[in-house]
C-alpha atoms as a PDB file:
ATOM      1  CA  MET A   1      -7.944  12.199  36.487  1.00  0.00           C
ATOM      2  CA  LYS A   2     -11.058  10.904  34.596  1.00  0.00           C
ATOM      3  CA  ARG A   3     -12.606  11.726  31.236  1.00  0.00           C
ATOM      4  CA  ARG A   4     -12.991  15.315  31.681  1.00  0.00           C
ATOM      5  CA  GLU A   5     -10.153  16.624  33.439  1.00  0.00           C
ATOM      6  CA  PHE A   6      -8.269  14.396  31.205  1.00  0.00           C
ATOM      7  CA  LEU A   7      -9.607  16.392  28.065  1.00  0.00           C
ATOM      8  CA  LEU A   8      -9.157  19.813  29.403  1.00  0.00           C
ATOM      9  CA  LYS A   9      -5.372  18.771  30.275  1.00  0.00           C
ATOM     10  CA  SER A  10      -5.364  17.357  26.470  1.00  0.00           C
ATOM     11  CA  ALA A  11      -6.583  20.205  25.332  1.00  0.00           C
ATOM     12  CA  LEU A  12      -3.713  21.950  27.354  1.00  0.00           C
ATOM     13  CA  MET A  13      -1.214  19.888  25.070  1.00  0.00           C
ATOM     14  CA  GLY A  14      -2.470  20.744  22.023  1.00  0.00           C
ATOM     15  CA  ALA A  15      -2.045  24.427  22.390  1.00  0.00           C
ATOM     16  CA  ALA A  16       1.326  23.523  23.072  1.00  0.00           C
ATOM     17  CA  ALA A  17       2.285  22.802  19.355  1.00  0.00           C
ATOM     18  CA  THR A  18       1.768  26.567  18.473  1.00  0.00           C
ATOM     19  CA  LEU A  19       4.917  27.117  20.974  1.00  0.00           C
ATOM     20  CA  PRO A  20       8.362  27.972  20.215  1.00  0.00           C
ATOM     21  CA  LEU A  21      10.472  24.382  19.775  1.00  0.00           C
ATOM     22  CA  HIS A  22      11.676  24.157  22.574  1.00  0.00           C
ATOM     23  CA  LYS A  23       8.489  25.041  24.900  1.00  0.00           C
ATOM     24  CA  PHE A  24       6.480  22.339  22.951  1.00  0.00           C
ATOM     25  CA  PHE A  25       9.281  19.422  23.329  1.00  0.00           C
ATOM     26  CA  ALA A  26       9.142  20.886  27.425  1.00  0.00           C
ATOM     27  CA  ALA A  27       5.398  20.485  27.330  1.00  0.00           C
ATOM     28  CA  VAL A  28       5.398  16.523  25.757  1.00  0.00           C
ATOM     29  CA  GLN A  29       7.568  15.759  28.883  1.00  0.00           C
ATOM     30  CA  GLU A  30       5.661  16.988  30.934  1.00  0.00           C
ATOM     31  CA  SER A  31       2.937  14.307  29.316  1.00  0.00           C
ATOM     32  CA  PRO A  32       3.510  11.932  26.485  1.00  0.00           C
ATOM     33  CA  PHE A  33      -0.107  12.427  25.520  1.00  0.00           C
ATOM     34  CA  THR A  34      -1.174  14.981  23.148  1.00  0.00           C
ATOM     35  CA  THR A  35      -4.668  15.626  21.462  1.00  0.00           C
ATOM     36  CA  LEU A  36      -5.135  16.534  17.861  1.00  0.00           C
ATOM     37  CA  ARG A  37      -8.883  16.798  16.732  1.00  0.00           C
ATOM     38  CA  ARG A  38     -12.031  15.015  17.572  1.00  0.00           C
ATOM     39  CA  ASN A  39     -11.020  12.349  19.808  1.00  0.00           C
ATOM     40  CA  VAL A  40      -7.685  11.218  18.071  1.00  0.00           C
ATOM     41  CA  GLY A  41      -3.904  11.789  19.631  1.00  0.00           C
ATOM     42  CA  THR A  42      -0.697  10.586  20.429  1.00  0.00           C
ATOM     43  CA  PHE A  43       1.143   8.860  23.244  1.00  0.00           C
ATOM     44  CA  VAL A  44       5.145   9.695  22.886  1.00  0.00           C
ATOM     45  CA  GLY A  45       7.265   7.019  25.406  1.00  0.00           C
ATOM     46  CA  ARG A  46      10.008   4.961  23.859  1.00  0.00           C
ATOM     47  CA  GLY A  47       9.479   3.302  20.405  1.00  0.00           C
ATOM     48  CA  GLY A  48       7.144   3.714  17.908  1.00  0.00           C
ATOM     49  CA  THR A  49       4.321   6.594  17.850  1.00  0.00           C
ATOM     50  CA  ILE A  50       1.491   5.610  19.628  1.00  0.00           C
ATOM     51  CA  GLY A  51      -2.191   6.677  18.002  1.00  0.00           C
ATOM     52  CA  TRP A  52      -5.387   7.017  20.304  1.00  0.00           C
ATOM     53  CA  LEU A  53      -8.790   7.256  19.328  1.00  0.00           C
ATOM     54  CA  VAL A  54     -11.214   7.668  22.856  1.00  0.00           C
ATOM     55  CA  ASN A  55     -14.130   8.330  22.166  1.00  0.00           C
ATOM     56  CA  GLU A  56     -18.356   7.922  24.329  1.00  0.00           C
ATOM     57  CA  ASP A  57     -18.015   4.595  22.760  1.00  0.00           C
ATOM     58  CA  ALA A  58     -15.158   2.628  21.696  1.00  0.00           C
ATOM     59  CA  VAL A  59     -11.056   2.895  22.535  1.00  0.00           C
ATOM     60  CA  VAL A  60      -8.708   1.836  19.562  1.00  0.00           C
ATOM     61  CA  ILE A  61      -4.680   2.168  20.132  1.00  0.00           C
ATOM     62  CA  VAL A  62      -2.575   1.899  17.674  1.00  0.00           C
ATOM     63  CA  ASP A  63       1.143   0.088  17.722  1.00  0.00           C
ATOM     64  CA  SER A  64       2.050  -0.466  21.577  1.00  0.00           C
ATOM     65  CA  GLN A  65       5.689  -0.013  21.642  1.00  0.00           C
ATOM     66  CA  PHE A  66       8.125  -2.105  24.675  1.00  0.00           C
ATOM     67  CA  PRO A  67       5.839  -3.397  27.400  1.00  0.00           C
ATOM     68  CA  GLU A  68       6.901  -0.726  30.571  1.00  0.00           C
ATOM     69  CA  SER A  69       5.772   2.003  28.343  1.00  0.00           C
ATOM     70  CA  ALA A  70       2.830  -0.060  26.709  1.00  0.00           C
ATOM     71  CA  LYS A  71       1.629   0.101  31.102  1.00  0.00           C
ATOM     72  CA  THR A  72       2.195   4.097  30.701  1.00  0.00           C
ATOM     73  CA  CYS A  73      -0.040   4.185  28.185  1.00  0.00           C
ATOM     74  CA  ILE A  74      -2.938   2.510  29.410  1.00  0.00           C
ATOM     75  CA  SER A  75      -2.661   3.824  32.673  1.00  0.00           C
ATOM     76  CA  GLY A  76      -3.298   7.139  30.967  1.00  0.00           C
ATOM     77  CA  LEU A  77      -6.146   5.699  28.730  1.00  0.00           C
ATOM     78  CA  GLU A  78      -8.264   4.053  31.781  1.00  0.00           C
ATOM     79  CA  GLU A  79      -7.437   7.745  33.339  1.00  0.00           C
ATOM     80  CA  MET A  80      -9.804   9.092  30.176  1.00  0.00           C
ATOM     81  CA  THR A  81     -12.256   6.378  30.178  1.00  0.00           C
ATOM     82  CA  ASP A  82     -14.396   3.460  31.572  1.00  0.00           C
ATOM     83  CA  ILE A  83     -15.224   1.652  28.548  1.00  0.00           C
ATOM     84  CA  ALA A  84     -13.546  -1.592  27.702  1.00  0.00           C
ATOM     85  CA  PHE A  85     -10.417  -1.250  25.174  1.00  0.00           C
ATOM     86  CA  ASP A  86     -12.377  -2.102  21.917  1.00  0.00           C
ATOM     87  CA  VAL A  87      -8.791  -2.912  19.196  1.00  0.00           C
ATOM     88  CA  LEU A  88      -5.728  -2.129  19.280  1.00  0.00           C
ATOM     89  CA  ILE A  89      -3.679  -2.293  15.871  1.00  0.00           C
ATOM     90  CA  ASN A  90       0.171  -3.370  15.418  1.00  0.00           C
ATOM     91  CA  THR A  91       1.605  -0.901  11.663  1.00  0.00           C
ATOM     92  CA  HIS A  92       4.108  -3.651  11.283  1.00  0.00           C
ATOM     93  CA  HIS A  93       5.989  -5.943  13.067  1.00  0.00           C
ATOM     94  CA  HIS A  94       8.816  -4.685  14.163  1.00  0.00           C
ATOM     95  CA  GLY A  95       9.026  -4.975  17.953  1.00  0.00           C
ATOM     96  CA  ASP A  96       9.323  -1.280  18.913  1.00  0.00           C
ATOM     97  CA  HIS A  97       5.937  -1.510  16.901  1.00  0.00           C
ATOM     98  CA  THR A  98       4.751  -4.641  18.750  1.00  0.00           C
ATOM     99  CA  ALA A  99       6.923  -5.916  22.030  1.00  0.00           C
ATOM    100  CA  GLY A 100       3.682  -3.879  24.121  1.00  0.00           C
ATOM    101  CA  ASN A 101       1.559  -5.939  23.086  1.00  0.00           C
ATOM    102  CA  PRO A 102       1.370  -8.450  25.798  1.00  0.00           C
ATOM    103  CA  ALA A 103       0.403  -5.777  28.348  1.00  0.00           C
ATOM    104  CA  PHE A 104      -2.552  -4.829  25.883  1.00  0.00           C
ATOM    105  CA  LYS A 105      -2.839  -8.650  25.614  1.00  0.00           C
ATOM    106  CA  GLU A 106      -6.329  -8.505  28.267  1.00  0.00           C
ATOM    107  CA  LYS A 107      -7.393  -5.242  27.683  1.00  0.00           C
ATOM    108  CA  VAL A 108      -8.468  -5.936  23.885  1.00  0.00           C
ATOM    109  CA  LYS A 109     -11.011  -7.497  22.900  1.00  0.00           C
ATOM    110  CA  ARG A 110      -8.589  -8.023  18.682  1.00  0.00           C
ATOM    111  CA  ILE A 111      -5.186  -7.042  17.956  1.00  0.00           C
ATOM    112  CA  VAL A 112      -5.278  -6.229  14.105  1.00  0.00           C
ATOM    113  CA  ALA A 113      -2.707  -5.897  11.395  1.00  0.00           C
ATOM    114  CA  HIS A 114      -1.909  -7.557   7.908  1.00  0.00           C
ATOM    115  CA  LYS A 115      -1.689 -10.709   7.422  1.00  0.00           C
ATOM    116  CA  ASN A 116       2.172 -11.175   7.166  1.00  0.00           C
ATOM    117  CA  VAL A 117       3.161  -9.721  10.538  1.00  0.00           C
ATOM    118  CA  PRO A 118       2.453 -12.851  12.529  1.00  0.00           C
ATOM    119  CA  ASP A 119       5.090 -13.993  10.243  1.00  0.00           C
ATOM    120  CA  LEU A 120       6.899 -12.170  10.401  1.00  0.00           C
ATOM    121  CA  GLN A 121       6.859 -11.045  13.969  1.00  0.00           C
ATOM    122  CA  LYS A 122       7.538 -15.280  14.904  1.00  0.00           C
ATOM    123  CA  ALA A 123      10.727 -14.960  12.353  1.00  0.00           C
ATOM    124  CA  SER A 124      12.134 -11.933  14.101  1.00  0.00           C
ATOM    125  CA  ALA A 125      11.355 -13.120  17.361  1.00  0.00           C
ATOM    126  CA  GLU A 126      12.786 -16.275  16.594  1.00  0.00           C
ATOM    127  CA  SER A 127      16.226 -14.145  15.610  1.00  0.00           C
ATOM    128  CA  ARG A 128      16.691 -13.471  19.177  1.00  0.00           C
ATOM    129  CA  GLY A 129      16.367 -16.478  21.173  1.00  0.00           C
ATOM    130  CA  GLN A 130      13.252 -18.273  22.742  1.00  0.00           C
ATOM    131  CA  GLU A 131      12.837 -15.766  25.251  1.00  0.00           C
ATOM    132  CA  ALA A 132      12.196 -12.958  22.576  1.00  0.00           C
ATOM    133  CA  LEU A 133      10.222 -15.769  20.987  1.00  0.00           C
ATOM    134  CA  ASP A 134       7.907 -16.578  24.262  1.00  0.00           C
ATOM    135  CA  ALA A 135       7.818 -13.437  24.818  1.00  0.00           C
ATOM    136  CA  GLN A 136       5.653 -12.238  21.984  1.00  0.00           C
ATOM    137  CA  VAL A 137       1.796 -11.594  21.660  1.00  0.00           C
ATOM    138  CA  TYR A 138       0.729 -11.876  17.691  1.00  0.00           C
ATOM    139  CA  PRO A 139      -2.502 -10.119  15.723  1.00  0.00           C
ATOM    140  CA  ASP A 140      -5.557 -12.370  15.552  1.00  0.00           C
ATOM    141  CA  THR A 141      -7.543 -11.245  13.066  1.00  0.00           C
ATOM    142  CA  THR A 142      -5.426  -9.959   9.631  1.00  0.00           C
ATOM    143  CA  TYR A 143      -6.263  -8.390   6.917  1.00  0.00           C
ATOM    144  CA  GLU A 144      -4.758  -9.069   3.209  1.00  0.00           C
ATOM    145  CA  GLU A 145      -5.565  -5.357   1.206  1.00  0.00           C
ATOM    146  CA  LYS A 146      -8.428  -3.452   2.965  1.00  0.00           C
ATOM    147  CA  TRP A 147     -10.345  -3.527   6.702  1.00  0.00           C
ATOM    148  CA  SER A 148     -12.367  -0.884   8.029  1.00  0.00           C
ATOM    149  CA  GLU A 149     -14.544  -0.993  10.491  1.00  0.00           C
ATOM    150  CA  ASP A 150     -17.318   1.738  12.889  1.00  0.00           C
ATOM    151  CA  VAL A 151     -15.764   2.695  16.615  1.00  0.00           C
ATOM    152  CA  GLY A 152     -18.183   4.712  17.944  1.00  0.00           C
ATOM    153  CA  ASP A 153     -19.136   7.870  15.914  1.00  0.00           C
ATOM    154  CA  GLU A 154     -15.680   6.654  14.057  1.00  0.00           C
ATOM    155  CA  THR A 155     -14.796   5.251  11.310  1.00  0.00           C
ATOM    156  CA  VAL A 156     -11.416   2.919  11.062  1.00  0.00           C
ATOM    157  CA  HIS A 157      -9.745   1.972   7.854  1.00  0.00           C
ATOM    158  CA  LEU A 158      -6.543  -0.515   7.916  1.00  0.00           C
ATOM    159  CA  THR A 159      -4.715  -0.089   3.855  1.00  0.00           C
ATOM    160  CA  HIS A 160      -1.684  -2.597   2.740  1.00  0.00           C
ATOM    161  CA  TYR A 161      -0.669  -0.540  -0.540  1.00  0.00           C
ATOM    162  CA  GLY A 162       2.309  -3.609  -1.196  1.00  0.00           C
ATOM    163  CA  PRO A 163       5.704  -3.932   0.789  1.00  0.00           C
ATOM    164  CA  ALA A 164       7.675  -0.906   1.990  1.00  0.00           C
ATOM    165  CA  HIS A 165       9.482  -0.648   5.140  1.00  0.00           C
ATOM    166  CA  THR A 166       8.486  -4.356   5.390  1.00  0.00           C
ATOM    167  CA  GLY A 167       5.993  -6.698   3.671  1.00  0.00           C
ATOM    168  CA  GLY A 168       3.565  -6.053   6.352  1.00  0.00           C
ATOM    169  CA  ASP A 169       2.923  -2.554   6.558  1.00  0.00           C
ATOM    170  CA  SER A 170      -0.882  -0.798   6.982  1.00  0.00           C
ATOM    171  CA  VAL A 171      -1.883   2.565   6.583  1.00  0.00           C
ATOM    172  CA  ILE A 172      -4.454   3.634   9.266  1.00  0.00           C
ATOM    173  CA  TYR A 173      -6.938   6.219   8.777  1.00  0.00           C
ATOM    174  CA  PHE A 174      -9.733   7.613  10.725  1.00  0.00           C
ATOM    175  CA  GLU A 175     -11.997   8.843   8.001  1.00  0.00           C
ATOM    176  CA  LYS A 176     -13.766  11.384  10.565  1.00  0.00           C
ATOM    177  CA  ALA A 177     -10.610  12.616  12.522  1.00  0.00           C
ATOM    178  CA  ASN A 178      -9.472  12.899   8.808  1.00  0.00           C
ATOM    179  CA  ILE A 179      -5.711  11.913  10.691  1.00  0.00           C
ATOM    180  CA  ALA A 180      -3.730   8.809   8.823  1.00  0.00           C
ATOM    181  CA  HIS A 181      -1.560   6.684  11.351  1.00  0.00           C
ATOM    182  CA  MET A 182       1.466   6.114   8.776  1.00  0.00           C
ATOM    183  CA  GLY A 183       3.723   3.914  11.100  1.00  0.00           C
ATOM    184  CA  ASP A 184       6.928   3.612   9.825  1.00  0.00           C
ATOM    185  CA  LEU A 185       5.818   4.406   6.407  1.00  0.00           C
ATOM    186  CA  MET A 186       7.147   7.618   7.857  1.00  0.00           C
ATOM    187  CA  PHE A 187      10.141   8.529   9.253  1.00  0.00           C
ATOM    188  CA  ASN A 188      10.072  12.609   9.162  1.00  0.00           C
ATOM    189  CA  ARG A 189      13.361  13.806   7.867  1.00  0.00           C
ATOM    190  CA  ALA A 190      15.738  10.656   9.578  1.00  0.00           C
ATOM    191  CA  HIS A 191      16.991   7.715   7.610  1.00  0.00           C
ATOM    192  CA  PRO A 192      14.534   5.471   7.405  1.00  0.00           C
ATOM    193  CA  PHE A 193      14.559   1.222   8.537  1.00  0.00           C
ATOM    194  CA  ILE A 194      14.171  -0.907   5.759  1.00  0.00           C
ATOM    195  CA  ASP A 195      13.937  -4.108   6.804  1.00  0.00           C
ATOM    196  CA  ARG A 196      14.767  -5.322   3.227  1.00  0.00           C
ATOM    197  CA  GLY A 197      15.203  -9.110   5.435  1.00  0.00           C
ATOM    198  CA  ALA A 198      11.287  -8.975   5.905  1.00  0.00           C
ATOM    199  CA  GLY A 199      10.004  -8.161   2.417  1.00  0.00           C
ATOM    200  CA  ALA A 200      10.827  -4.161   2.321  1.00  0.00           C
ATOM    201  CA  SER A 201      10.730  -2.343  -1.241  1.00  0.00           C
ATOM    202  CA  ILE A 202      11.850   1.473  -1.797  1.00  0.00           C
ATOM    203  CA  SER A 203      10.393   1.722  -5.265  1.00  0.00           C
ATOM    204  CA  ASN A 204       6.956  -0.001  -3.877  1.00  0.00           C
ATOM    205  CA  TRP A 205       7.398   2.618  -0.858  1.00  0.00           C
ATOM    206  CA  ILE A 206       7.727   5.649  -3.197  1.00  0.00           C
ATOM    207  CA  THR A 207       4.391   3.835  -4.458  1.00  0.00           C
ATOM    208  CA  THR A 208       3.093   3.965  -1.247  1.00  0.00           C
ATOM    209  CA  LEU A 209       3.897   7.326   0.313  1.00  0.00           C
ATOM    210  CA  ASN A 210       2.369   8.698  -3.118  1.00  0.00           C
ATOM    211  CA  ARG A 211      -1.172   6.841  -2.710  1.00  0.00           C
ATOM    212  CA  THR A 212      -1.725   7.540   0.322  1.00  0.00           C
ATOM    213  CA  ALA A 213      -1.038  11.101  -0.270  1.00  0.00           C
ATOM    214  CA  ASP A 214      -3.696  10.623  -2.849  1.00  0.00           C
ATOM    215  CA  ASP A 215      -6.613   8.304  -1.536  1.00  0.00           C
ATOM    216  CA  PHE A 216      -6.873  10.826   1.197  1.00  0.00           C
ATOM    217  CA  PRO A 217      -8.218  14.403   1.834  1.00  0.00           C
ATOM    218  CA  SER A 218      -5.357  16.995   0.969  1.00  0.00           C
ATOM    219  CA  ASP A 219      -5.917  18.457   4.680  1.00  0.00           C
ATOM    220  CA  ALA A 220      -5.185  15.661   6.363  1.00  0.00           C
ATOM    221  CA  MET A 221      -2.913  14.736   9.008  1.00  0.00           C
ATOM    222  CA  TYR A 222      -0.421  12.223   9.690  1.00  0.00           C
ATOM    223  CA  ILE A 223       1.207  10.243  12.291  1.00  0.00           C
ATOM    224  CA  PHE A 224       4.340   9.078  11.694  1.00  0.00           C
ATOM    225  CA  GLY A 225       6.349   6.189  13.170  1.00  0.00           C
ATOM    226  CA  HIS A 226       9.570   8.403  13.737  1.00  0.00           C
ATOM    227  CA  GLY A 227      10.206  11.694  13.058  1.00  0.00           C
ATOM    228  CA  ASN A 228      13.426  14.617  13.488  1.00  0.00           C
ATOM    229  CA  SER A 229      12.775  15.849  17.106  1.00  0.00           C
ATOM    230  CA  ASN A 230      13.200  19.205  14.846  1.00  0.00           C
ATOM    231  CA  PHE A 231      10.368  18.281  12.965  1.00  0.00           C
ATOM    232  CA  GLY A 232       8.107  15.974  15.085  1.00  0.00           C
ATOM    233  CA  ILE A 233       6.122  12.989  14.870  1.00  0.00           C
ATOM    234  CA  THR A 234       3.025  14.904  13.166  1.00  0.00           C
ATOM    235  CA  GLY A 235       2.660  16.521   9.623  1.00  0.00           C
ATOM    236  CA  SER A 236       1.000  16.735   6.266  1.00  0.00           C
ATOM    237  CA  ALA A 237       0.344  15.284   2.580  1.00  0.00           C
ATOM    238  CA  GLU A 238       3.800  17.750   1.784  1.00  0.00           C
ATOM    239  CA  ASP A 239       6.124  15.972   4.841  1.00  0.00           C
ATOM    240  CA  LEU A 240       4.551  12.445   2.773  1.00  0.00           C
ATOM    241  CA  GLU A 241       6.120  14.045  -0.334  1.00  0.00           C
ATOM    242  CA  VAL A 242       9.497  15.186   1.595  1.00  0.00           C
ATOM    243  CA  MET A 243      10.363  11.007   2.053  1.00  0.00           C
ATOM    244  CA  SER A 244       9.523   9.922  -1.044  1.00  0.00           C
ATOM    245  CA  GLU A 245      11.542  12.856  -2.448  1.00  0.00           C
ATOM    246  CA  PHE A 246      14.655  11.654  -0.636  1.00  0.00           C
ATOM    247  CA  LEU A 247      13.993   7.386  -1.128  1.00  0.00           C
ATOM    248  CA  SER A 248      13.411   8.451  -5.300  1.00  0.00           C
ATOM    249  CA  ALA A 249      17.227  10.554  -4.533  1.00  0.00           C
ATOM    250  CA  LEU A 250      18.011   7.290  -3.004  1.00  0.00           C
ATOM    251  CA  LEU A 251      17.521   4.820  -5.394  1.00  0.00           C
ATOM    252  CA  ASP A 252      18.653   7.725  -8.412  1.00  0.00           C
ATOM    253  CA  PHE A 253      22.196   8.712  -6.350  1.00  0.00           C
ATOM    254  CA  THR A 254      22.890   4.304  -6.469  1.00  0.00           C
ATOM    255  CA  GLN A 255      22.178   4.257  -9.586  1.00  0.00           C
ATOM    256  CA  LYS A 256      23.553   6.341 -11.240  1.00  0.00           C
ATOM    257  CA  GLY A 257      26.839   5.240  -8.686  1.00  0.00           C
ATOM    258  CA  ILE A 258      26.237   2.048 -10.499  1.00  0.00           C
ATOM    259  CA  ASP A 259      26.502   3.125 -13.694  1.00  0.00           C
ATOM    260  CA  ALA A 260      29.505   4.667 -13.190  1.00  0.00           C
ATOM    261  CA  GLY A 261      31.302   1.855 -12.338  1.00  0.00           C
ATOM    262  CA  MET A 262      31.471   2.468  -8.253  1.00  0.00           C
ATOM    263  CA  THR A 263      31.649  -0.476  -5.773  1.00  0.00           C
ATOM    264  CA  LYS A 264      29.046  -0.570  -2.990  1.00  0.00           C
ATOM    265  CA  GLU A 265      31.270   0.388  -0.315  1.00  0.00           C
ATOM    266  CA  GLU A 266      32.809   3.752  -2.216  1.00  0.00           C
ATOM    267  CA  LEU A 267      28.577   5.059  -2.207  1.00  0.00           C
ATOM    268  CA  MET A 268      28.134   3.829   0.697  1.00  0.00           C
ATOM    269  CA  ASN A 269      30.975   7.008   2.219  1.00  0.00           C
ATOM    270  CA  LYS A 270      28.103   9.290   1.583  1.00  0.00           C
ATOM    271  CA  GLU A 271      26.827  11.163   4.174  1.00  0.00           C
ATOM    272  CA  THR A 272      23.788  13.111   3.315  1.00  0.00           C
ATOM    273  CA  LEU A 273      22.117  12.991  -0.134  1.00  0.00           C
ATOM    274  CA  ASN A 274      22.465  17.027  -1.633  1.00  0.00           C
ATOM    275  CA  GLY A 275      18.743  18.717  -0.443  1.00  0.00           C
ATOM    276  CA  PHE A 276      18.493  15.932   2.234  1.00  0.00           C
ATOM    277  CA  GLU A 277      20.887  17.339   4.676  1.00  0.00           C
ATOM    278  CA  ASP A 278      17.988  17.380   7.624  1.00  0.00           C
ATOM    279  CA  PHE A 279      17.768  13.762   7.660  1.00  0.00           C
ATOM    280  CA  LYS A 280      20.983  13.411   9.402  1.00  0.00           C
ATOM    281  CA  ALA A 281      19.073  13.957  12.482  1.00  0.00           C
ATOM    282  CA  PRO A 282      20.667  14.814  15.867  1.00  0.00           C
ATOM    283  CA  GLY A 283      20.922  11.721  17.720  1.00  0.00           C
ATOM    284  CA  TRP A 284      19.983   9.079  14.978  1.00  0.00           C
ATOM    285  CA  ARG A 285      21.408   5.840  14.933  1.00  0.00           C
ATOM    286  CA  LEU A 286      20.423   5.197  11.337  1.00  0.00           C
ATOM    287  CA  PRO A 287      23.018   6.388   8.831  1.00  0.00           C
ATOM    288  CA  LEU A 288      22.616   6.691   5.040  1.00  0.00           C
ATOM    289  CA  SER A 289      25.164   4.363   4.036  1.00  0.00           C
ATOM    290  CA  ALA A 290      22.340   2.210   5.838  1.00  0.00           C
ATOM    291  CA  ASN A 291      19.618   2.991   2.781  1.00  0.00           C
ATOM    292  CA  ILE A 292      22.086   2.687  -0.322  1.00  0.00           C
ATOM    293  CA  GLU A 293      23.569  -0.765   1.456  1.00  0.00           C
ATOM    294  CA  VAL A 294      19.458  -1.923   0.947  1.00  0.00           C
ATOM    295  CA  ALA A 295      19.003   0.713  -2.323  1.00  0.00           C
ATOM    296  CA  TYR A 296      21.924  -1.121  -3.778  1.00  0.00           C
ATOM    297  CA  ALA A 297      20.926  -4.599  -3.226  1.00  0.00           C
ATOM    298  CA  GLU A 298      17.192  -3.731  -4.748  1.00  0.00           C
ATOM    299  CA  LEU A 299      18.689  -2.663  -7.704  1.00  0.00           C
ATOM    300  CA  THR A 300      21.141  -4.717  -8.895  1.00  0.00           C
ATOM    301  CA  GLU A 301      18.752  -7.418  -8.224  1.00  0.00           C
ATOM    302  CA  ASP A 302      16.442  -6.081 -10.602  1.00  0.00           C
ATOM    303  CA  ASN A 303      19.260  -5.990 -12.994  1.00  0.00           C
ATOM    304  CA  GLY A 304      19.588  -9.093 -12.752  1.00  0.00           C
END
């Protein structure tokens, strides 16, 4: 199946987004690839959502998941086009976004990420032993605050807004398609993983989401690293606002408990935050208690 056949199939997949949820997810199971608009789409496998751009002159991939799903993604991309892959971008260092890097290593010209990603990736691998460390392929091109490049008829921008989900998050923006890949800055309606050990900051995560929504057009489309199956892995600035409001409510709830003299353990008994019941996503393994634990640590440190 070459480019023309693939685009026809992708168009049918795009139409599935208008179907009832049960039919939509059935369609996703038939093909892991979904075209969004202007040659940008998603790949759903095992791990964080992969984003991709395939135009007449360039191929860009955002995140790599795990080795096996990375190989599936590569096969699908090679059915779309005969041209060489240009860039793999890692939104951050976590294994479900970078463990597939070895599969892409010989396929792409560069792997790009924020400057903190290689060290964070290495430290995380070291904690799991020599085998994990030996399996790593690190970004070879890094940036500090902003990076951009023309890729065919598209321009890709990377922005680091400071510590949030980790200390090395990037927002990837496809300018002409008007699509932003948020990586794990967005857990759509699910309790997020907050990697304090890798430099996460809940307070600046809120700022990051708000600044992102302000920086891009109001009709921008967003790709999320993870999502509640009832809400999906793509959305709008309104979804970023919901995530920001959840994180604000998390800090507010925890601070009020601290002020009232509650222990961390007492606070962690809370299963859902009022108004954010949807975040208790079906099948989602991360409980609110893990978020409260990190919020407690961040707030007590801030308060001296």
